[in-house]
Amino acid sequence: MSRRRRGAAGCSASTITPASNAVIDGTGTAPDGENYRQRINSWIRGQRLADGFVDFDAAVRDPADPSAGCQR
């Protein structure tokens, strides 16, 4: 029986947004950060533990550079 049928709250996951063009406290992102982000996002998209997921990566990435957020 699913959690929803038992009355429990659902659980959603979300992908990690691109950040290669981000600077935090004057420092760029970690050298292997993009590789890890891609691997984690692939897992999130394929996992079946959560009831669903929100793909923030697809929503905000720059089509010309998928490792960067879109400059709006």
PDB file of N, CA and C in Angstrom:
ATOM      1  N   MET A   1       0.844  -1.180   0.000  1.00  0.00           N
ATOM      2  CA  MET A   1       0.000   0.000   0.000  1.00  0.00           C
ATOM      3  C   MET A   1       0.888   1.241   0.000  1.00  0.00           C
ATOM      4  N   SER A   2       0.581   2.196  -0.834  1.00  0.00           N
ATOM      5  CA  SER A   2       1.420   3.392  -0.936  1.00  0.00           C
ATOM      6  C   SER A   2       1.267   4.275   0.293  1.00  0.00           C
ATOM      7  N   ARG A   3       2.252   5.141   0.490  1.00  0.00           N
ATOM      8  CA  ARG A   3       2.191   6.076   1.619  1.00  0.00           C
ATOM      9  C   ARG A   3       0.978   6.979   1.509  1.00  0.00           C
ATOM     10  N   ARG A   4       0.629   7.358   0.295  1.00  0.00           N
ATOM     11  CA  ARG A   4      -0.515   8.260   0.124  1.00  0.00           C
ATOM     12  C   ARG A   4      -1.805   7.605   0.588  1.00  0.00           C
ATOM     13  N   ARG A   5      -1.962   6.346   0.304  1.00  0.00           N
ATOM     14  CA  ARG A   5      -3.170   5.655   0.749  1.00  0.00           C
ATOM     15  C   ARG A   5      -3.237   5.574   2.263  1.00  0.00           C
ATOM     16  N   ARG A   6      -2.093   5.477   2.904  1.00  0.00           N
ATOM     17  CA  ARG A   6      -2.067   5.406   4.363  1.00  0.00           C
ATOM     18  C   ARG A   6      -2.208   6.780   4.994  1.00  0.00           C
ATOM     19  N   GLY A   7      -2.230   7.832   4.180  1.00  0.00           N
ATOM     20  CA  GLY A   7      -2.388   9.178   4.711  1.00  0.00           C
ATOM     21  C   GLY A   7      -1.095   9.905   5.009  1.00  0.00           C
ATOM     22  N   ALA A   8       0.033   9.297   4.703  1.00  0.00           N
ATOM     23  CA  ALA A   8       1.317   9.953   4.955  1.00  0.00           C
ATOM     24  C   ALA A   8       1.583  10.996   3.868  1.00  0.00           C
ATOM     25  N   ALA A   9       2.366  11.991   4.217  1.00  0.00           N
ATOM     26  CA  ALA A   9       2.735  13.029   3.248  1.00  0.00           C
ATOM     27  C   ALA A   9       3.678  12.446   2.199  1.00  0.00           C
ATOM     28  N   GLY A  10       3.599  12.968   0.986  1.00  0.00           N
ATOM     29  CA  GLY A  10       4.487  12.535  -0.083  1.00  0.00           C
ATOM     30  C   GLY A  10       5.865  13.158   0.067  1.00  0.00           C
ATOM     31  N   CYS A  11       6.795  12.671  -0.708  1.00  0.00           N
ATOM     32  CA  CYS A  11       8.167  13.161  -0.665  1.00  0.00           C
ATOM     33  C   CYS A  11       8.627  13.461  -2.085  1.00  0.00           C
ATOM     34  N   SER A  12       9.155  14.643  -2.308  1.00  0.00           N
ATOM     35  CA  SER A  12       9.682  15.028  -3.616  1.00  0.00           C
ATOM     36  C   SER A  12      11.162  15.340  -3.505  1.00  0.00           C
ATOM     37  N   ALA A  13      11.871  15.145  -4.591  1.00  0.00           N
ATOM     38  CA  ALA A  13      13.290  15.479  -4.676  1.00  0.00           C
ATOM     39  C   ALA A  13      13.447  16.575  -5.720  1.00  0.00           C
ATOM     40  N   SER A  14      14.630  17.171  -5.784  1.00  0.00           N
ATOM     41  CA  SER A  14      14.891  18.157  -6.834  1.00  0.00           C
ATOM     42  C   SER A  14      16.335  18.032  -7.294  1.00  0.00           C
ATOM     43  N   THR A  15      16.549  18.359  -8.563  1.00  0.00           N
ATOM     44  CA  THR A  15      17.901  18.337  -9.106  1.00  0.00           C
ATOM     45  C   THR A  15      18.675  19.557  -8.608  1.00  0.00           C
ATOM     46  N   ILE A  16      19.980  19.481  -8.734  1.00  0.00           N
ATOM     47  CA  ILE A  16      20.867  20.568  -8.323  1.00  0.00           C
ATOM     48  C   ILE A  16      21.052  21.504  -9.514  1.00  0.00           C
ATOM     49  N   THR A  17      20.888  22.789  -9.279  1.00  0.00           N
ATOM     50  CA  THR A  17      21.004  23.765 -10.361  1.00  0.00           C
ATOM     51  C   THR A  17      22.460  23.940 -10.797  1.00  0.00           C
ATOM     52  N   PRO A  18      22.684  24.336 -12.048  1.00  0.00           N
ATOM     53  CA  PRO A  18      24.039  24.586 -12.526  1.00  0.00           C
ATOM     54  C   PRO A  18      24.644  25.792 -11.813  1.00  0.00           C
ATOM     55  N   ALA A  19      25.964  25.745 -11.612  1.00  0.00           N
ATOM     56  CA  ALA A  19      26.595  26.829 -10.866  1.00  0.00           C
ATOM     57  C   ALA A  19      28.027  27.103 -11.296  1.00  0.00           C
ATOM     58  N   SER A  20      28.423  26.691 -12.494  1.00  0.00           N
ATOM     59  CA  SER A  20      29.821  26.899 -12.886  1.00  0.00           C
ATOM     60  C   SER A  20      30.171  28.377 -12.979  1.00  0.00           C
ATOM     61  N   ASN A  21      29.156  29.229 -13.159  1.00  0.00           N
ATOM     62  CA  ASN A  21      29.414  30.664 -13.230  1.00  0.00           C
ATOM     63  C   ASN A  21      29.121  31.369 -11.904  1.00  0.00           C
ATOM     64  N   ALA A  22      28.931  30.596 -10.841  1.00  0.00           N
ATOM     65  CA  ALA A  22      28.637  31.180  -9.530  1.00  0.00           C
ATOM     66  C   ALA A  22      29.925  31.461  -8.761  1.00  0.00           C
ATOM     67  N   VAL A  23      29.895  32.499  -7.975  1.00  0.00           N
ATOM     68  CA  VAL A  23      30.995  32.824  -7.075  1.00  0.00           C
ATOM     69  C   VAL A  23      30.404  32.966  -5.683  1.00  0.00           C
ATOM     70  N   ILE A  24      30.940  32.191  -4.743  1.00  0.00           N
ATOM     71  CA  ILE A  24      30.453  32.209  -3.370  1.00  0.00           C
ATOM     72  C   ILE A  24      31.595  32.658  -2.479  1.00  0.00           C
ATOM     73  N   ASP A  25      31.385  33.712  -1.725  1.00  0.00           N
ATOM     74  CA  ASP A  25      32.417  34.272  -0.848  1.00  0.00           C
ATOM     75  C   ASP A  25      33.709  34.549  -1.602  1.00  0.00           C
ATOM     76  N   GLY A  26      33.607  35.009  -2.846  1.00  0.00           N
ATOM     77  CA  GLY A  26      34.777  35.353  -3.636  1.00  0.00           C
ATOM     78  C   GLY A  26      35.501  34.168  -4.242  1.00  0.00           C
ATOM     79  N   THR A  27      34.938  32.974  -4.093  1.00  0.00           N
ATOM     80  CA  THR A  27      35.574  31.758  -4.582  1.00  0.00           C
ATOM     81  C   THR A  27      34.699  31.096  -5.631  1.00  0.00           C
ATOM     82  N   GLY A  28      35.309  30.578  -6.679  1.00  0.00           N
ATOM     83  CA  GLY A  28      34.562  29.829  -7.694  1.00  0.00           C
ATOM     84  C   GLY A  28      34.143  28.471  -7.160  1.00  0.00           C
ATOM     85  N   THR A  29      33.432  27.726  -7.960  1.00  0.00           N
ATOM     86  CA  THR A  29      32.968  26.409  -7.543  1.00  0.00           C
ATOM     87  C   THR A  29      34.105  25.390  -7.564  1.00  0.00           C
ATOM     88  N   ALA A  30      33.903  24.258  -6.913  1.00  0.00           N
ATOM     89  CA  ALA A  30      34.917  23.209  -6.818  1.00  0.00           C
ATOM     90  C   ALA A  30      35.235  22.638  -8.200  1.00  0.00           C
ATOM     91  N   PRO A  31      36.488  22.256  -8.444  1.00  0.00           N
ATOM     92  CA  PRO A  31      36.885  21.751  -9.762  1.00  0.00           C
ATOM     93  C   PRO A  31      36.062  20.548 -10.246  1.00  0.00           C
ATOM     94  N   ASP A  32      35.740  19.620  -9.363  1.00  0.00           N
ATOM     95  CA  ASP A  32      34.969  18.434  -9.742  1.00  0.00           C
ATOM     96  C   ASP A  32      33.475  18.608  -9.505  1.00  0.00           C
ATOM     97  N   GLY A  33      33.062  19.807  -9.118  1.00  0.00           N
ATOM     98  CA  GLY A  33      31.665  20.045  -8.769  1.00  0.00           C
ATOM     99  C   GLY A  33      30.687  19.715  -9.874  1.00  0.00           C
ATOM    100  N   GLU A  34      31.004  20.079 -11.108  1.00  0.00           N
ATOM    101  CA  GLU A  34      30.085  19.822 -12.225  1.00  0.00           C
ATOM    102  C   GLU A  34      29.926  18.330 -12.474  1.00  0.00           C
ATOM    103  N   ASN A  35      31.000  17.581 -12.390  1.00  0.00           N
ATOM    104  CA  ASN A  35      30.926  16.129 -12.560  1.00  0.00           C
ATOM    105  C   ASN A  35      30.010  15.512 -11.503  1.00  0.00           C
ATOM    106  N   TYR A  36      30.191  15.906 -10.242  1.00  0.00           N
ATOM    107  CA  TYR A  36      29.345  15.380  -9.170  1.00  0.00           C
ATOM    108  C   TYR A  36      27.892  15.807  -9.363  1.00  0.00           C
ATOM    109  N   ARG A  37      27.670  17.049  -9.741  1.00  0.00           N
ATOM    110  CA  ARG A  37      26.308  17.552  -9.954  1.00  0.00           C
ATOM    111  C   ARG A  37      25.601  16.732 -11.027  1.00  0.00           C
ATOM    112  N   GLN A  38      26.278  16.463 -12.133  1.00  0.00           N
ATOM    113  CA  GLN A  38      25.691  15.669 -13.213  1.00  0.00           C
ATOM    114  C   GLN A  38      25.352  14.254 -12.746  1.00  0.00           C
ATOM    115  N   ARG A  39      26.251  13.647 -11.987  1.00  0.00           N
ATOM    116  CA  ARG A  39      26.012  12.283 -11.491  1.00  0.00           C
ATOM    117  C   ARG A  39      24.841  12.243 -10.521  1.00  0.00           C
ATOM    118  N   ILE A  40      24.783  13.211  -9.618  1.00  0.00           N
ATOM    119  CA  ILE A  40      23.683  13.255  -8.651  1.00  0.00           C
ATOM    120  C   ILE A  40      22.362  13.510  -9.367  1.00  0.00           C
ATOM    121  N   ASN A  41      22.342  14.455 -10.308  1.00  0.00           N
ATOM    122  CA  ASN A  41      21.111  14.750 -11.043  1.00  0.00           C
ATOM    123  C   ASN A  41      20.631  13.536 -11.838  1.00  0.00           C
ATOM    124  N   SER A  42      21.542  12.791 -12.427  1.00  0.00           N
ATOM    125  CA  SER A  42      21.151  11.572 -13.143  1.00  0.00           C
ATOM    126  C   SER A  42      20.495  10.585 -12.195  1.00  0.00           C
ATOM    127  N   TRP A  43      21.066  10.445 -11.001  1.00  0.00           N
ATOM    128  CA  TRP A  43      20.477   9.541 -10.016  1.00  0.00           C
ATOM    129  C   TRP A  43      19.084  10.032  -9.607  1.00  0.00           C
ATOM    130  N   ILE A  44      18.953  11.328  -9.335  1.00  0.00           N
ATOM    131  CA  ILE A  44      17.658  11.882  -8.924  1.00  0.00           C
ATOM    132  C   ILE A  44      16.605  11.632  -9.999  1.00  0.00           C
ATOM    133  N   ARG A  45      16.956  11.846 -11.243  1.00  0.00           N
ATOM    134  CA  ARG A  45      15.995  11.648 -12.339  1.00  0.00           C
ATOM    135  C   ARG A  45      15.576  10.186 -12.488  1.00  0.00           C
ATOM    136  N   GLY A  46      16.429   9.257 -12.121  1.00  0.00           N
ATOM    137  CA  GLY A  46      16.118   7.840 -12.291  1.00  0.00           C
ATOM    138  C   GLY A  46      15.661   7.119 -11.043  1.00  0.00           C
ATOM    139  N   GLN A  47      15.771   7.754  -9.888  1.00  0.00           N
ATOM    140  CA  GLN A  47      15.434   7.086  -8.628  1.00  0.00           C
ATOM    141  C   GLN A  47      13.931   6.864  -8.498  1.00  0.00           C
ATOM    142  N   ARG A  48      13.562   5.931  -7.648  1.00  0.00           N
ATOM    143  CA  ARG A  48      12.150   5.641  -7.393  1.00  0.00           C
ATOM    144  C   ARG A  48      11.822   5.723  -5.902  1.00  0.00           C
ATOM    145  N   LEU A  49      12.718   6.323  -5.105  1.00  0.00           N
ATOM    146  CA  LEU A  49      12.477   6.445  -3.669  1.00  0.00           C
ATOM    147  C   LEU A  49      11.503   7.572  -3.358  1.00  0.00           C
ATOM    148  N   ALA A  50      11.642   8.686  -4.039  1.00  0.00           N
ATOM    149  CA  ALA A  50      10.735   9.825  -3.841  1.00  0.00           C
ATOM    150  C   ALA A  50       9.507   9.639  -4.725  1.00  0.00           C
ATOM    151  N   ASP A  51       8.429  10.317  -4.361  1.00  0.00           N
ATOM    152  CA  ASP A  51       7.193  10.233  -5.142  1.00  0.00           C
ATOM    153  C   ASP A  51       7.303  10.975  -6.470  1.00  0.00           C
ATOM    154  N   GLY A  52       8.247  11.884  -6.570  1.00  0.00           N
ATOM    155  CA  GLY A  52       8.451  12.657  -7.792  1.00  0.00           C
ATOM    156  C   GLY A  52       9.649  13.562  -7.608  1.00  0.00           C
ATOM    157  N   PHE A  53       9.942  14.367  -8.634  1.00  0.00           N
ATOM    158  CA  PHE A  53      11.049  15.315  -8.507  1.00  0.00           C
ATOM    159  C   PHE A  53      10.775  16.543  -9.355  1.00  0.00           C
ATOM    160  N   VAL A  54      11.433  17.641  -8.973  1.00  0.00           N
ATOM    161  CA  VAL A  54      11.376  18.893  -9.723  1.00  0.00           C
ATOM    162  C   VAL A  54      12.738  19.056 -10.386  1.00  0.00           C
ATOM    163  N   ASP A  55      12.744  19.288 -11.683  1.00  0.00           N
ATOM    164  CA  ASP A  55      14.004  19.393 -12.420  1.00  0.00           C
ATOM    165  C   ASP A  55      14.425  20.862 -12.538  1.00  0.00           C
ATOM    166  N   PHE A  56      14.962  21.403 -11.423  1.00  0.00           N
ATOM    167  CA  PHE A  56      15.440  22.785 -11.422  1.00  0.00           C
ATOM    168  C   PHE A  56      16.608  22.954 -12.390  1.00  0.00           C
ATOM    169  N   ASP A  57      17.416  21.907 -12.567  1.00  0.00           N
ATOM    170  CA  ASP A  57      18.533  21.961 -13.513  1.00  0.00           C
ATOM    171  C   ASP A  57      18.026  22.305 -14.908  1.00  0.00           C
ATOM    172  N   ALA A  58      17.040  21.574 -15.386  1.00  0.00           N
ATOM    173  CA  ALA A  58      16.495  21.822 -16.731  1.00  0.00           C
ATOM    174  C   ALA A  58      15.824  23.187 -16.822  1.00  0.00           C
ATOM    175  N   ALA A  59      15.252  23.646 -15.722  1.00  0.00           N
ATOM    176  CA  ALA A  59      14.517  24.916 -15.740  1.00  0.00           C
ATOM    177  C   ALA A  59      15.423  26.136 -15.845  1.00  0.00           C
ATOM    178  N   VAL A  60      16.625  26.073 -15.272  1.00  0.00           N
ATOM    179  CA  VAL A  60      17.445  27.292 -15.199  1.00  0.00           C
ATOM    180  C   VAL A  60      18.775  27.229 -15.942  1.00  0.00           C
ATOM    181  N   ARG A  61      19.133  26.090 -16.510  1.00  0.00           N
ATOM    182  CA  ARG A  61      20.449  26.011 -17.166  1.00  0.00           C
ATOM    183  C   ARG A  61      20.473  26.811 -18.467  1.00  0.00           C
ATOM    184  N   ASP A  62      21.657  27.250 -18.818  1.00  0.00           N
ATOM    185  CA  ASP A  62      21.891  27.994 -20.050  1.00  0.00           C
ATOM    186  C   ASP A  62      22.017  26.989 -21.193  1.00  0.00           C
ATOM    187  N   PRO A  63      21.159  27.046 -22.217  1.00  0.00           N
ATOM    188  CA  PRO A  63      21.243  26.082 -23.313  1.00  0.00           C
ATOM    189  C   PRO A  63      22.608  26.076 -24.014  1.00  0.00           C
ATOM    190  N   ALA A  64      23.280  27.204 -24.032  1.00  0.00           N
ATOM    191  CA  ALA A  64      24.595  27.291 -24.675  1.00  0.00           C
ATOM    192  C   ALA A  64      25.704  26.716 -23.797  1.00  0.00           C
ATOM    193  N   ASP A  65      25.480  26.661 -22.476  1.00  0.00           N
ATOM    194  CA  ASP A  65      26.463  26.134 -21.528  1.00  0.00           C
ATOM    195  C   ASP A  65      25.710  25.474 -20.380  1.00  0.00           C
ATOM    196  N   PRO A  66      25.358  24.182 -20.495  1.00  0.00           N
ATOM    197  CA  PRO A  66      24.541  23.506 -19.489  1.00  0.00           C
ATOM    198  C   PRO A  66      25.141  23.467 -18.083  1.00  0.00           C
ATOM    199  N   SER A  67      26.426  23.770 -17.939  1.00  0.00           N
ATOM    200  CA  SER A  67      27.022  23.790 -16.605  1.00  0.00           C
ATOM    201  C   SER A  67      26.809  25.133 -15.909  1.00  0.00           C
ATOM    202  N   ALA A  68      26.228  26.094 -16.620  1.00  0.00           N
ATOM    203  CA  ALA A  68      26.010  27.440 -16.072  1.00  0.00           C
ATOM    204  C   ALA A  68      24.523  27.756 -15.999  1.00  0.00           C
ATOM    205  N   GLY A  69      24.185  28.596 -15.045  1.00  0.00           N
ATOM    206  CA  GLY A  69      22.815  29.077 -14.962  1.00  0.00           C
ATOM    207  C   GLY A  69      22.557  30.117 -16.034  1.00  0.00           C
ATOM    208  N   CYS A  70      21.332  30.185 -16.488  1.00  0.00           N
ATOM    209  CA  CYS A  70      20.946  31.140 -17.529  1.00  0.00           C
ATOM    210  C   CYS A  70      20.979  32.558 -16.959  1.00  0.00           C
ATOM    211  N   GLN A  71      21.590  33.461 -17.663  1.00  0.00           N
ATOM    212  CA  GLN A  71      21.658  34.864 -17.244  1.00  0.00           C
ATOM    213  C   GLN A  71      20.418  35.593 -17.743  1.00  0.00           C
ATOM    214  N   ARG A  72      19.533  35.931 -16.848  1.00  0.00           N
ATOM    215  CA  ARG A  72      18.283  36.605 -17.243  1.00  0.00           C
ATOM    216  C   ARG A  72      18.265  38.017 -16.761  1.00  0.00           C
TER     217      ARG A  72
END
